[in-house]
């Protein structure tokens, strides 16, 4: 049986891979990655925006499936899958948020 931590790590890895597929490459013609800082920031912003929109859509899908189930018209397997996917998405978003906050706090602790 896989642990919850392993499952969350795999989910985060899969989400990262999906985000990388949707992102344009941030390398120059030579493949060195030496593009401007603005490109990196806009790339990160786009990746974060795409990931958050996907998380929101997953939550809305789970809500719709749950409402269908409460009305007695839904497939229980689809409902359970949808709710579990929303749960894992929320855990992933929470983990990313915690890491971003920790990184910010580490940067603020640095001496200039």
Protein backbone atom coordinates (compact mmCIF):
# COMPACT_ATOMS: atom_id res chain seq x y z
CA UNK A 1 0.00 0.00 0.00
CA UNK A 2 1.40 3.39 -0.95
CA UNK A 3 1.61 6.06 1.67
CA UNK A 4 -0.31 9.31 1.51
CA UNK A 5 2.96 11.23 1.13
CA UNK A 6 3.97 9.11 -1.86
CA UNK A 7 0.58 9.63 -3.46
CA UNK A 8 0.77 13.40 -2.96
CA UNK A 9 4.30 13.48 -4.33
CA UNK A 10 3.24 11.59 -7.44
CA UNK A 11 0.25 13.87 -7.90
CA UNK A 12 2.46 16.94 -7.59
CA UNK A 13 4.92 15.44 -10.07
CA UNK A 14 2.10 14.71 -12.54
CA UNK A 15 0.70 18.22 -12.15
CA UNK A 16 4.16 19.69 -12.72
CA UNK A 17 4.59 17.57 -15.85
CA UNK A 18 1.20 18.66 -17.20
CA UNK A 19 2.07 22.29 -16.56
CA UNK A 20 5.40 21.92 -18.32
CA UNK A 21 3.64 20.46 -21.37
CA UNK A 22 1.34 23.47 -21.61
CA UNK A 23 4.14 26.00 -21.16
CA UNK A 24 6.19 27.31 -24.09
CA UNK A 25 9.89 26.58 -23.83
CA UNK A 26 11.87 29.23 -21.93
CA UNK A 27 15.14 28.61 -23.76
CA UNK A 28 16.85 30.61 -26.45
CA UNK A 29 17.87 29.26 -29.87
CA UNK A 30 20.91 27.51 -28.39
CA UNK A 31 18.87 25.86 -25.64
CA UNK A 32 20.80 27.53 -22.83
CA UNK A 33 17.81 29.04 -21.07
CA UNK A 34 19.42 32.48 -21.22
CA UNK A 35 16.24 34.41 -21.85
CA UNK A 36 15.42 37.63 -20.02
CA UNK A 37 14.18 37.73 -16.46
CA UNK A 38 10.81 39.05 -17.61
CA UNK A 39 10.29 35.86 -19.65
CA UNK A 40 10.96 33.73 -16.59
CA UNK A 41 8.54 35.74 -14.46
CA UNK A 42 5.82 35.68 -17.12
CA UNK A 43 6.43 31.94 -17.61
CA UNK A 44 6.05 31.30 -13.90
CA UNK A 45 2.97 33.51 -13.78
CA UNK A 46 1.43 31.64 -16.70
CA UNK A 47 2.21 28.26 -15.13
CA UNK A 48 0.74 29.31 -11.80
CA UNK A 49 -2.34 30.77 -13.48
CA UNK A 50 -2.89 27.61 -15.51
CA UNK A 51 -2.47 25.39 -12.46
CA UNK A 52 -4.87 27.46 -10.36
CA UNK A 53 -7.50 27.54 -13.10
CA UNK A 54 -7.21 23.76 -13.38
CA UNK A 55 -7.60 23.39 -9.62
CA UNK A 56 -10.67 25.61 -9.63
CA UNK A 57 -12.19 23.65 -12.51
CA UNK A 58 -11.54 20.38 -10.67
CA UNK A 59 -13.38 21.73 -7.63
CA UNK A 60 -16.32 22.88 -9.75
CA UNK A 61 -16.51 19.49 -11.43
CA UNK A 62 -16.56 17.77 -8.04
CA UNK A 63 -19.32 20.11 -6.86
CA UNK A 64 -21.39 19.39 -9.95
CA UNK A 65 -20.91 15.64 -9.57
CA UNK A 66 -21.85 15.82 -5.90
CA UNK A 67 -25.00 17.81 -6.68
CA UNK A 68 -25.94 15.25 -9.30
CA UNK A 69 -25.38 12.49 -6.77
CA UNK A 70 -27.50 14.22 -4.15
CA UNK A 71 -30.35 14.45 -6.63
CA UNK A 72 -30.10 10.67 -7.10
CA UNK A 73 -29.11 10.77 -10.76
CA UNK A 74 -25.33 10.36 -10.61
CA UNK A 75 -23.02 7.39 -10.96
CA UNK A 76 -21.44 6.74 -7.56
CA UNK A 77 -18.13 5.73 -9.10
CA UNK A 78 -17.89 9.01 -11.03
CA UNK A 79 -18.85 10.99 -7.95
CA UNK A 80 -16.27 9.27 -5.75
CA UNK A 81 -13.55 9.72 -8.39
CA UNK A 82 -14.41 13.38 -8.84
CA UNK A 83 -14.42 14.12 -5.12
CA UNK A 84 -11.12 12.27 -4.58
CA UNK A 85 -9.52 14.18 -7.46
CA UNK A 86 -10.69 17.46 -5.93
CA UNK A 87 -9.27 16.39 -2.55
CA UNK A 88 -5.86 15.60 -4.07
CA UNK A 89 -5.89 18.86 -6.02
CA UNK A 90 -6.61 20.80 -2.84
CA UNK A 91 -3.77 19.01 -1.05
CA UNK A 92 -1.41 19.84 -3.91
CA UNK A 93 -2.43 23.51 -3.96
CA UNK A 94 -2.00 23.70 -0.20
CA UNK A 95 1.46 22.13 -0.40
CA UNK A 96 2.53 24.55 -3.14
CA UNK A 97 1.21 27.49 -1.13
CA UNK A 98 3.11 26.35 1.96
CA UNK A 99 6.32 26.01 -0.03
CA UNK A 100 5.91 29.46 -1.59
CA UNK A 101 5.35 31.00 1.85
CA UNK A 102 8.39 29.15 3.22
CA UNK A 103 10.54 30.35 0.31
CA UNK A 104 9.37 33.92 0.88
CA UNK A 105 10.21 33.69 4.57
CA UNK A 106 13.65 32.27 3.75
CA UNK A 107 14.34 35.14 1.36
CA UNK A 108 13.23 37.69 3.95
CA UNK A 109 15.64 36.17 6.50
CA UNK A 110 18.62 36.73 4.19
CA UNK A 111 20.94 39.57 5.04
CA UNK A 112 21.63 42.12 2.34
